[in-house]
């Protein structure tokens, strides 16, 4: 998968995670960063669980799960 797909899937996953976790997106650049970081986290978690996702839809689901986990962890530290 090329860099363009990473950016597109990252943007979509970040936007969806933002919608699910706090009701709105974060802007294009932050959505891409959250989505790409989510893809890395999701790939690591799925690997630990022995889950394999392939194709564009599998990559999107992996990135979305990772992005939701990332935003959830961040929300734990933001609550003071």
PDB file of N, CA and C in Angstrom:
ATOM      1  N   UNK A   1       0.843  -1.158   0.000  1.00  0.00           N
ATOM      2  CA  UNK A   1       0.000   0.000   0.000  1.00  0.00           C
ATOM      3  C   UNK A   1       0.897   1.232   0.000  1.00  0.00           C
ATOM      4  N   UNK A   2       0.632   2.159  -0.858  1.00  0.00           N
ATOM      5  CA  UNK A   2       1.462   3.335  -0.994  1.00  0.00           C
ATOM      6  C   UNK A   2       1.183   4.385   0.071  1.00  0.00           C
ATOM      7  N   UNK A   3       2.023   5.408   0.080  1.00  0.00           N
ATOM      8  CA  UNK A   3       1.878   6.495   1.049  1.00  0.00           C
ATOM      9  C   UNK A   3       0.540   7.197   0.903  1.00  0.00           C
ATOM     10  N   UNK A   4       0.044   7.308  -0.305  1.00  0.00           N
ATOM     11  CA  UNK A   4      -1.244   7.974  -0.509  1.00  0.00           C
ATOM     12  C   UNK A   4      -2.361   7.225   0.202  1.00  0.00           C
ATOM     13  N   UNK A   5      -2.327   5.886   0.121  1.00  0.00           N
ATOM     14  CA  UNK A   5      -3.344   5.093   0.812  1.00  0.00           C
ATOM     15  C   UNK A   5      -3.228   5.229   2.321  1.00  0.00           C
ATOM     16  N   UNK A   6      -1.980   5.293   2.834  1.00  0.00           N
ATOM     17  CA  UNK A   6      -1.779   5.499   4.272  1.00  0.00           C
ATOM     18  C   UNK A   6      -2.426   6.807   4.708  1.00  0.00           C
ATOM     19  N   UNK A   7      -2.241   7.857   3.916  1.00  0.00           N
ATOM     20  CA  UNK A   7      -2.799   9.162   4.258  1.00  0.00           C
ATOM     21  C   UNK A   7      -4.323   9.144   4.182  1.00  0.00           C
ATOM     22  N   UNK A   8      -4.868   8.553   3.125  1.00  0.00           N
ATOM     23  CA  UNK A   8      -6.321   8.497   2.957  1.00  0.00           C
ATOM     24  C   UNK A   8      -6.958   7.668   4.071  1.00  0.00           C
ATOM     25  N   UNK A   9      -6.427   6.484   4.327  1.00  0.00           N
ATOM     26  CA  UNK A   9      -6.982   5.631   5.373  1.00  0.00           C
ATOM     27  C   UNK A   9      -6.786   6.275   6.739  1.00  0.00           C
ATOM     28  N   UNK A  10      -5.630   6.917   6.949  1.00  0.00           N
ATOM     29  CA  UNK A  10      -5.389   7.621   8.204  1.00  0.00           C
ATOM     30  C   UNK A  10      -6.387   8.737   8.430  1.00  0.00           C
ATOM     31  N   UNK A  11      -6.668   9.510   7.396  1.00  0.00           N
ATOM     32  CA  UNK A  11      -7.623  10.609   7.517  1.00  0.00           C
ATOM     33  C   UNK A  11      -9.021  10.087   7.822  1.00  0.00           C
ATOM     34  N   UNK A  12      -9.428   9.049   7.131  1.00  0.00           N
ATOM     35  CA  UNK A  12     -10.762   8.486   7.354  1.00  0.00           C
ATOM     36  C   UNK A  12     -10.864   7.876   8.751  1.00  0.00           C
ATOM     37  N   UNK A  13      -9.862   7.095   9.144  1.00  0.00           N
ATOM     38  CA  UNK A  13      -9.885   6.454  10.461  1.00  0.00           C
ATOM     39  C   UNK A  13      -9.841   7.493  11.574  1.00  0.00           C
ATOM     40  N   UNK A  14      -9.006   8.518  11.425  1.00  0.00           N
ATOM     41  CA  UNK A  14      -8.933   9.578  12.429  1.00  0.00           C
ATOM     42  C   UNK A  14     -10.238  10.341  12.550  1.00  0.00           C
ATOM     43  N   UNK A  15     -10.861  10.640  11.418  1.00  0.00           N
ATOM     44  CA  UNK A  15     -12.135  11.348  11.424  1.00  0.00           C
ATOM     45  C   UNK A  15     -13.220  10.503  12.080  1.00  0.00           C
ATOM     46  N   UNK A  16     -13.303   9.215  11.699  1.00  0.00           N
ATOM     47  CA  UNK A  16     -14.308   8.332  12.293  1.00  0.00           C
ATOM     48  C   UNK A  16     -14.085   8.162  13.790  1.00  0.00           C
ATOM     49  N   UNK A  17     -12.840   7.999  14.200  1.00  0.00           N
ATOM     50  CA  UNK A  17     -12.542   7.853  15.631  1.00  0.00           C
ATOM     51  C   UNK A  17     -12.927   9.122  16.384  1.00  0.00           C
ATOM     52  N   UNK A  18     -12.648  10.284  15.793  1.00  0.00           N
ATOM     53  CA  UNK A  18     -13.040  11.544  16.412  1.00  0.00           C
ATOM     54  C   UNK A  18     -14.541  11.661  16.555  1.00  0.00           C
ATOM     55  N   UNK A  19     -15.270  11.226  15.533  1.00  0.00           N
ATOM     56  CA  UNK A  19     -16.737  11.252  15.587  1.00  0.00           C
ATOM     57  C   UNK A  19     -17.254  10.318  16.681  1.00  0.00           C
ATOM     58  N   UNK A  20     -16.662   9.130  16.777  1.00  0.00           N
ATOM     59  CA  UNK A  20     -17.132   8.146  17.748  1.00  0.00           C
ATOM     60  C   UNK A  20     -16.741   8.505  19.187  1.00  0.00           C
ATOM     61  N   UNK A  21     -15.577   9.098  19.363  1.00  0.00           N
ATOM     62  CA  UNK A  21     -15.076   9.334  20.710  1.00  0.00           C
ATOM     63  C   UNK A  21     -15.499  10.673  21.309  1.00  0.00           C
ATOM     64  N   UNK A  22     -15.637  11.703  20.525  1.00  0.00           N
ATOM     65  CA  UNK A  22     -16.012  12.984  21.106  1.00  0.00           C
ATOM     66  C   UNK A  22     -17.020  13.763  20.277  1.00  0.00           C
ATOM     67  N   UNK A  23     -17.516  13.178  19.226  1.00  0.00           N
ATOM     68  CA  UNK A  23     -18.567  13.811  18.462  1.00  0.00           C
ATOM     69  C   UNK A  23     -18.130  14.697  17.312  1.00  0.00           C
ATOM     70  N   UNK A  24     -16.847  14.798  17.034  1.00  0.00           N
ATOM     71  CA  UNK A  24     -16.393  15.625  15.926  1.00  0.00           C
ATOM     72  C   UNK A  24     -14.979  15.279  15.526  1.00  0.00           C
ATOM     73  N   UNK A  25     -14.604  15.706  14.351  1.00  0.00           N
ATOM     74  CA  UNK A  25     -13.243  15.469  13.879  1.00  0.00           C
ATOM     75  C   UNK A  25     -12.280  16.480  14.483  1.00  0.00           C
ATOM     76  N   UNK A  26     -11.008  16.368  14.136  1.00  0.00           N
ATOM     77  CA  UNK A  26      -9.977  17.228  14.700  1.00  0.00           C
ATOM     78  C   UNK A  26      -9.344  18.133  13.667  1.00  0.00           C
ATOM     79  N   UNK A  27      -9.772  18.082  12.443  1.00  0.00           N
ATOM     80  CA  UNK A  27      -9.097  18.779  11.359  1.00  0.00           C
ATOM     81  C   UNK A  27      -8.290  17.771  10.557  1.00  0.00           C
ATOM     82  N   UNK A  28      -8.050  18.070   9.315  1.00  0.00           N
ATOM     83  CA  UNK A  28      -7.453  17.101   8.400  1.00  0.00           C
ATOM     84  C   UNK A  28      -6.091  16.602   8.860  1.00  0.00           C
ATOM     85  N   UNK A  29      -5.192  17.482   9.233  1.00  0.00           N
ATOM     86  CA  UNK A  29      -3.840  17.069   9.605  1.00  0.00           C
ATOM     87  C   UNK A  29      -3.836  16.197  10.860  1.00  0.00           C
ATOM     88  N   UNK A  30      -4.573  16.601  11.872  1.00  0.00           N
ATOM     89  CA  UNK A  30      -4.618  15.811  13.107  1.00  0.00           C
ATOM     90  C   UNK A  30      -5.340  14.491  12.869  1.00  0.00           C
ATOM     91  N   UNK A  31      -6.375  14.490  12.049  1.00  0.00           N
ATOM     92  CA  UNK A  31      -7.053  13.232  11.703  1.00  0.00           C
ATOM     93  C   UNK A  31      -6.080  12.255  11.051  1.00  0.00           C
ATOM     94  N   UNK A  32      -5.245  12.753  10.136  1.00  0.00           N
ATOM     95  CA  UNK A  32      -4.266  11.897   9.464  1.00  0.00           C
ATOM     96  C   UNK A  32      -3.272  11.345  10.472  1.00  0.00           C
ATOM     97  N   UNK A  33      -2.772  12.202  11.356  1.00  0.00           N
ATOM     98  CA  UNK A  33      -1.803  11.759  12.359  1.00  0.00           C
ATOM     99  C   UNK A  33      -2.417  10.729  13.299  1.00  0.00           C
ATOM    100  N   UNK A  34      -3.626  11.010  13.790  1.00  0.00           N
ATOM    101  CA  UNK A  34      -4.314  10.063  14.682  1.00  0.00           C
ATOM    102  C   UNK A  34      -4.585   8.754  13.957  1.00  0.00           C
ATOM    103  N   UNK A  35      -5.000   8.823  12.704  1.00  0.00           N
ATOM    104  CA  UNK A  35      -5.294   7.612  11.933  1.00  0.00           C
ATOM    105  C   UNK A  35      -4.065   6.765  11.662  1.00  0.00           C
ATOM    106  N   UNK A  36      -2.952   7.400  11.313  1.00  0.00           N
ATOM    107  CA  UNK A  36      -1.719   6.652  11.047  1.00  0.00           C
ATOM    108  C   UNK A  36      -1.173   6.056  12.337  1.00  0.00           C
ATOM    109  N   UNK A  37      -1.182   6.844  13.421  1.00  0.00           N
ATOM    110  CA  UNK A  37      -0.765   6.300  14.724  1.00  0.00           C
ATOM    111  C   UNK A  37      -1.702   5.168  15.132  1.00  0.00           C
ATOM    112  N   UNK A  38      -2.985   5.333  14.846  1.00  0.00           N
ATOM    113  CA  UNK A  38      -3.960   4.287  15.138  1.00  0.00           C
ATOM    114  C   UNK A  38      -3.707   3.021  14.339  1.00  0.00           C
ATOM    115  N   UNK A  39      -3.271   3.179  13.103  1.00  0.00           N
ATOM    116  CA  UNK A  39      -2.947   2.008  12.283  1.00  0.00           C
ATOM    117  C   UNK A  39      -1.779   1.235  12.886  1.00  0.00           C
ATOM    118  N   UNK A  40      -0.796   1.958  13.393  1.00  0.00           N
ATOM    119  CA  UNK A  40       0.349   1.292  14.020  1.00  0.00           C
ATOM    120  C   UNK A  40      -0.083   0.593  15.301  1.00  0.00           C
ATOM    121  N   UNK A  41      -0.842   1.298  16.128  1.00  0.00           N
ATOM    122  CA  UNK A  41      -1.322   0.704  17.384  1.00  0.00           C
ATOM    123  C   UNK A  41      -2.263  -0.460  17.107  1.00  0.00           C
ATOM    124  N   UNK A  42      -3.191  -0.276  16.172  1.00  0.00           N
ATOM    125  CA  UNK A  42      -4.134  -1.332  15.829  1.00  0.00           C
ATOM    126  C   UNK A  42      -3.442  -2.567  15.279  1.00  0.00           C
ATOM    127  N   UNK A  43      -2.427  -2.360  14.435  1.00  0.00           N
ATOM    128  CA  UNK A  43      -1.664  -3.487  13.899  1.00  0.00           C
ATOM    129  C   UNK A  43      -0.945  -4.245  14.996  1.00  0.00           C
ATOM    130  N   UNK A  44      -0.412  -3.509  15.965  1.00  0.00           N
ATOM    131  CA  UNK A  44       0.285  -4.143  17.089  1.00  0.00           C
ATOM    132  C   UNK A  44      -0.696  -4.938  17.945  1.00  0.00           C
ATOM    133  N   UNK A  45      -1.855  -4.333  18.269  1.00  0.00           N
ATOM    134  CA  UNK A  45      -2.855  -5.010  19.097  1.00  0.00           C
ATOM    135  C   UNK A  45      -3.423  -6.218  18.363  1.00  0.00           C
ATOM    136  N   UNK A  46      -3.753  -6.065  17.092  1.00  0.00           N
ATOM    137  CA  UNK A  46      -4.285  -7.191  16.327  1.00  0.00           C
ATOM    138  C   UNK A  46      -3.259  -8.316  16.246  1.00  0.00           C
ATOM    139  N   UNK A  47      -1.988  -7.968  16.115  1.00  0.00           N
ATOM    140  CA  UNK A  47      -0.920  -8.973  16.087  1.00  0.00           C
ATOM    141  C   UNK A  47      -0.840  -9.734  17.396  1.00  0.00           C
ATOM    142  N   UNK A  48      -0.973  -9.014  18.515  1.00  0.00           N
ATOM    143  CA  UNK A  48      -0.962  -9.676  19.826  1.00  0.00           C
ATOM    144  C   UNK A  48      -2.124 -10.636  19.984  1.00  0.00           C
ATOM    145  N   UNK A  49      -3.271 -10.266  19.429  1.00  0.00           N
ATOM    146  CA  UNK A  49      -4.476 -11.091  19.539  1.00  0.00           C
ATOM    147  C   UNK A  49      -4.548 -12.169  18.464  1.00  0.00           C
ATOM    148  N   UNK A  50      -3.634 -12.146  17.508  1.00  0.00           N
ATOM    149  CA  UNK A  50      -3.627 -13.131  16.441  1.00  0.00           C
ATOM    150  C   UNK A  50      -4.677 -12.879  15.374  1.00  0.00           C
ATOM    151  N   UNK A  51      -5.119 -11.629  15.261  1.00  0.00           N
ATOM    152  CA  UNK A  51      -6.126 -11.252  14.274  1.00  0.00           C
ATOM    153  C   UNK A  51      -5.413 -10.702  13.044  1.00  0.00           C
ATOM    154  N   UNK A  52      -5.828 -11.160  11.878  1.00  0.00           N
ATOM    155  CA  UNK A  52      -5.233 -10.694  10.633  1.00  0.00           C
ATOM    156  C   UNK A  52      -6.302  -9.999   9.792  1.00  0.00           C
ATOM    157  N   UNK A  53      -6.032  -8.763   9.398  1.00  0.00           N
ATOM    158  CA  UNK A  53      -6.953  -8.015   8.548  1.00  0.00           C
ATOM    159  C   UNK A  53      -6.209  -7.636   7.275  1.00  0.00           C
ATOM    160  N   UNK A  54      -6.828  -7.881   6.133  1.00  0.00           N
ATOM    161  CA  UNK A  54      -6.156  -7.574   4.870  1.00  0.00           C
ATOM    162  C   UNK A  54      -7.060  -6.725   3.990  1.00  0.00           C
ATOM    163  N   UNK A  55      -6.463  -6.100   3.031  1.00  0.00           N
ATOM    164  CA  UNK A  55      -7.206  -5.264   2.098  1.00  0.00           C
ATOM    165  C   UNK A  55      -7.448  -3.879   2.659  1.00  0.00           C
ATOM    166  N   UNK A  56      -8.104  -3.065   1.873  1.00  0.00           N
ATOM    167  CA  UNK A  56      -8.365  -1.685   2.267  1.00  0.00           C
ATOM    168  C   UNK A  56      -9.322  -1.632   3.454  1.00  0.00           C
ATOM    169  N   UNK A  57     -10.378  -2.426   3.429  1.00  0.00           N
ATOM    170  CA  UNK A  57     -11.341  -2.432   4.527  1.00  0.00           C
ATOM    171  C   UNK A  57     -10.696  -2.936   5.814  1.00  0.00           C
ATOM    172  N   UNK A  58      -9.878  -3.964   5.720  1.00  0.00           N
ATOM    173  CA  UNK A  58      -9.172  -4.480   6.890  1.00  0.00           C
ATOM    174  C   UNK A  58      -8.212  -3.452   7.461  1.00  0.00           C
ATOM    175  N   UNK A  59      -7.533  -2.725   6.584  1.00  0.00           N
ATOM    176  CA  UNK A  59      -6.624  -1.667   7.028  1.00  0.00           C
ATOM    177  C   UNK A  59      -7.396  -0.545   7.706  1.00  0.00           C
ATOM    178  N   UNK A  60      -8.544  -0.199   7.161  1.00  0.00           N
ATOM    179  CA  UNK A  60      -9.368   0.853   7.754  1.00  0.00           C
ATOM    180  C   UNK A  60      -9.873   0.438   9.127  1.00  0.00           C
ATOM    181  N   UNK A  61     -10.321  -0.791   9.256  1.00  0.00           N
ATOM    182  CA  UNK A  61     -10.812  -1.283  10.548  1.00  0.00           C
ATOM    183  C   UNK A  61      -9.680  -1.322  11.567  1.00  0.00           C
ATOM    184  N   UNK A  62      -8.518  -1.797  11.152  1.00  0.00           N
ATOM    185  CA  UNK A  62      -7.358  -1.842  12.039  1.00  0.00           C
ATOM    186  C   UNK A  62      -6.979  -0.439  12.506  1.00  0.00           C
ATOM    187  N   UNK A  63      -6.912   0.506  11.573  1.00  0.00           N
ATOM    188  CA  UNK A  63      -6.570   1.883  11.915  1.00  0.00           C
ATOM    189  C   UNK A  63      -7.634   2.509  12.808  1.00  0.00           C
ATOM    190  N   UNK A  64      -8.894   2.225  12.547  1.00  0.00           N
ATOM    191  CA  UNK A  64      -9.986   2.779  13.342  1.00  0.00           C
ATOM    192  C   UNK A  64      -9.928   2.263  14.775  1.00  0.00           C
ATOM    193  N   UNK A  65      -9.739   0.974  14.943  1.00  0.00           N
ATOM    194  CA  UNK A  65      -9.640   0.399  16.290  1.00  0.00           C
ATOM    195  C   UNK A  65      -8.453   1.001  17.030  1.00  0.00           C
ATOM    196  N   UNK A  66      -7.323   1.110  16.362  1.00  0.00           N
ATOM    197  CA  UNK A  66      -6.145   1.704  16.981  1.00  0.00           C
ATOM    198  C   UNK A  66      -6.342   3.166  17.321  1.00  0.00           C
ATOM    199  N   UNK A  67      -6.987   3.914  16.444  1.00  0.00           N
ATOM    200  CA  UNK A  67      -7.235   5.336  16.698  1.00  0.00           C
ATOM    201  C   UNK A  67      -8.188   5.526  17.869  1.00  0.00           C
ATOM    202  N   UNK A  68      -9.198   4.674  17.967  1.00  0.00           N
ATOM    203  CA  UNK A  68     -10.114   4.749  19.108  1.00  0.00           C
ATOM    204  C   UNK A  68      -9.377   4.441  20.402  1.00  0.00           C
ATOM    205  N   UNK A  69      -8.511   3.426  20.376  1.00  0.00           N
ATOM    206  CA  UNK A  69      -7.702   3.116  21.557  1.00  0.00           C
ATOM    207  C   UNK A  69      -6.806   4.293  21.923  1.00  0.00           C
ATOM    208  N   UNK A  70      -6.174   4.907  20.930  1.00  0.00           N
ATOM    209  CA  UNK A  70      -5.300   6.049  21.166  1.00  0.00           C
ATOM    210  C   UNK A  70      -6.071   7.203  21.799  1.00  0.00           C
ATOM    211  N   UNK A  71      -7.227   7.543  21.252  1.00  0.00           N
ATOM    212  CA  UNK A  71      -8.022   8.639  21.793  1.00  0.00           C
ATOM    213  C   UNK A  71      -8.541   8.321  23.191  1.00  0.00           C
ATOM    214  N   UNK A  72      -8.864   7.069  23.443  1.00  0.00           N
ATOM    215  CA  UNK A  72      -9.322   6.662  24.769  1.00  0.00           C
ATOM    216  C   UNK A  72      -8.199   6.819  25.797  1.00  0.00           C
ATOM    217  N   UNK A  73      -6.994   6.382  25.435  1.00  0.00           N
ATOM    218  CA  UNK A  73      -5.848   6.516  26.338  1.00  0.00           C
ATOM    219  C   UNK A  73      -5.552   7.998  26.596  1.00  0.00           C
ATOM    220  N   UNK A  74      -5.609   8.812  25.562  1.00  0.00           N
ATOM    221  CA  UNK A  74      -5.377  10.243  25.731  1.00  0.00           C
ATOM    222  C   UNK A  74      -6.441  10.853  26.647  1.00  0.00           C
ATOM    223  N   UNK A  75      -7.691  10.419  26.498  1.00  0.00           N
ATOM    224  CA  UNK A  75      -8.759  10.961  27.352  1.00  0.00           C
ATOM    225  C   UNK A  75      -8.559  10.592  28.816  1.00  0.00           C
ATOM    226  N   UNK A  76      -7.913   9.474  29.091  1.00  0.00           N
ATOM    227  CA  UNK A  76      -7.636   9.103  30.476  1.00  0.00           C
ATOM    228  C   UNK A  76      -6.669  10.084  31.130  1.00  0.00           C
ATOM    229  N   UNK A  77      -5.704  10.591  30.365  1.00  0.00           N
ATOM    230  CA  UNK A  77      -4.730  11.529  30.892  1.00  0.00           C
ATOM    231  C   UNK A  77      -5.258  12.958  30.923  1.00  0.00           C
ATOM    232  N   UNK A  78      -6.230  13.283  30.084  1.00  0.00           N
ATOM    233  CA  UNK A  78      -6.764  14.637  30.035  1.00  0.00           C
ATOM    234  C   UNK A  78      -7.718  14.919  31.182  1.00  0.00           C
ATOM    235  N   UNK A  79      -8.337  13.891  31.741  1.00  0.00           N
ATOM    236  CA  UNK A  79      -9.277  14.088  32.841  1.00  0.00           C
ATOM    237  C   UNK A  79      -8.492  14.403  34.107  1.00  0.00           C
ATOM    238  N   UNK A  80      -8.702  15.607  34.617  1.00  0.00           N
ATOM    239  CA  UNK A  80      -8.001  15.994  35.840  1.00  0.00           C
ATOM    240  C   UNK A  80      -8.954  16.486  36.892  1.00  0.00           C
TER     241      UNK A  80
END
